Amino acid sequence: MQKLYSRSSPSGQVNKNMVPKQETITFLLNYSKALRVLEYQNLTFKTLLN
């Protein structure tokens, strides 16, 4: 995934429609900080700590 997103565009310009809003970035970062995954034996528990 990192290689996919780190490549520059062929024309060297960023498409303005593809740039996410700051609110979207903040939401995703906060969500990922609050998400906890716990694996116990063969079970996986996913909790959102809000």
C-alpha atoms as a PDB file:
ATOM      1  CA  MET A   1       0.000   0.000   0.000  1.00  0.00           C
ATOM      2  CA  GLN A   2       2.788   2.420   0.831  1.00  0.00           C
ATOM      3  CA  LYS A   3       4.308   2.087  -2.630  1.00  0.00           C
ATOM      4  CA  LEU A   4       0.926   2.677  -4.216  1.00  0.00           C
ATOM      5  CA  TYR A   5       0.330   5.973  -2.392  1.00  0.00           C
ATOM      6  CA  SER A   6       3.899   7.258  -2.438  1.00  0.00           C
ATOM      7  CA  ARG A   7       4.240   7.342  -6.225  1.00  0.00           C
ATOM      8  CA  SER A   8       3.859  10.726  -7.873  1.00  0.00           C
ATOM      9  CA  SER A   9       1.304  11.202 -10.602  1.00  0.00           C
ATOM     10  CA  PRO A  10       2.504  10.832 -14.203  1.00  0.00           C
ATOM     11  CA  SER A  11       1.829  14.475 -14.995  1.00  0.00           C
ATOM     12  CA  GLY A  12       3.473  15.662 -11.774  1.00  0.00           C
ATOM     13  CA  GLN A  13       0.297  17.398 -10.609  1.00  0.00           C
ATOM     14  CA  VAL A  14      -2.138  16.337  -7.929  1.00  0.00           C
ATOM     15  CA  ASN A  15      -5.737  15.949  -8.981  1.00  0.00           C
ATOM     16  CA  LYS A  16      -7.708  18.344  -6.761  1.00  0.00           C
ATOM     17  CA  ASN A  17     -10.639  15.889  -6.640  1.00  0.00           C
ATOM     18  CA  MET A  18      -8.431  13.196  -5.111  1.00  0.00           C
ATOM     19  CA  VAL A  19      -7.149  15.248  -2.151  1.00  0.00           C
ATOM     20  CA  PRO A  20      -9.104  14.414   1.046  1.00  0.00           C
ATOM     21  CA  LYS A  21     -10.453  17.133   3.319  1.00  0.00           C
ATOM     22  CA  GLN A  22      -8.669  17.816   6.589  1.00  0.00           C
ATOM     23  CA  GLU A  23     -11.790  16.648   8.489  1.00  0.00           C
ATOM     24  CA  THR A  24     -11.576  13.258   6.756  1.00  0.00           C
ATOM     25  CA  ILE A  25      -7.929  12.817   7.674  1.00  0.00           C
ATOM     26  CA  THR A  26      -8.584  13.820  11.286  1.00  0.00           C
ATOM     27  CA  PHE A  27     -11.542  11.422  11.550  1.00  0.00           C
ATOM     28  CA  LEU A  28      -9.555   8.473  10.211  1.00  0.00           C
ATOM     29  CA  LEU A  29      -6.587   9.161  12.485  1.00  0.00           C
ATOM     30  CA  ASN A  30      -8.796   9.469  15.559  1.00  0.00           C
ATOM     31  CA  TYR A  31     -10.679   6.296  14.629  1.00  0.00           C
ATOM     32  CA  SER A  32      -7.465   4.334  14.200  1.00  0.00           C
ATOM     33  CA  LYS A  33      -6.207   5.548  17.587  1.00  0.00           C
ATOM     34  CA  ALA A  34      -9.417   4.389  19.282  1.00  0.00           C
ATOM     35  CA  LEU A  35      -9.602   0.979  17.589  1.00  0.00           C
ATOM     36  CA  ARG A  36      -8.183  -1.913  19.605  1.00  0.00           C
ATOM     37  CA  VAL A  37      -7.883  -5.485  18.325  1.00  0.00           C
ATOM     38  CA  LEU A  38      -7.384  -8.260  20.858  1.00  0.00           C
ATOM     39  CA  GLU A  39      -6.656 -11.811  19.815  1.00  0.00           C
ATOM     40  CA  TYR A  40      -7.339 -14.575  22.305  1.00  0.00           C
ATOM     41  CA  GLN A  41      -6.821 -18.182  21.217  1.00  0.00           C
ATOM     42  CA  ASN A  42      -8.827 -18.443  17.974  1.00  0.00           C
ATOM     43  CA  LEU A  43     -11.007 -15.398  18.661  1.00  0.00           C
ATOM     44  CA  THR A  44     -10.508 -11.797  17.575  1.00  0.00           C
ATOM     45  CA  PHE A  45     -12.178  -8.973  19.506  1.00  0.00           C
ATOM     46  CA  LYS A  46     -12.399  -5.520  17.949  1.00  0.00           C
ATOM     47  CA  THR A  47     -13.423  -2.664  20.214  1.00  0.00           C
ATOM     48  CA  LEU A  48     -13.776   1.039  19.629  1.00  0.00           C
ATOM     49  CA  LEU A  49     -12.657   2.968  22.695  1.00  0.00           C
ATOM     50  CA  ASN A  50     -14.715   6.171  22.666  1.00  0.00           C
END
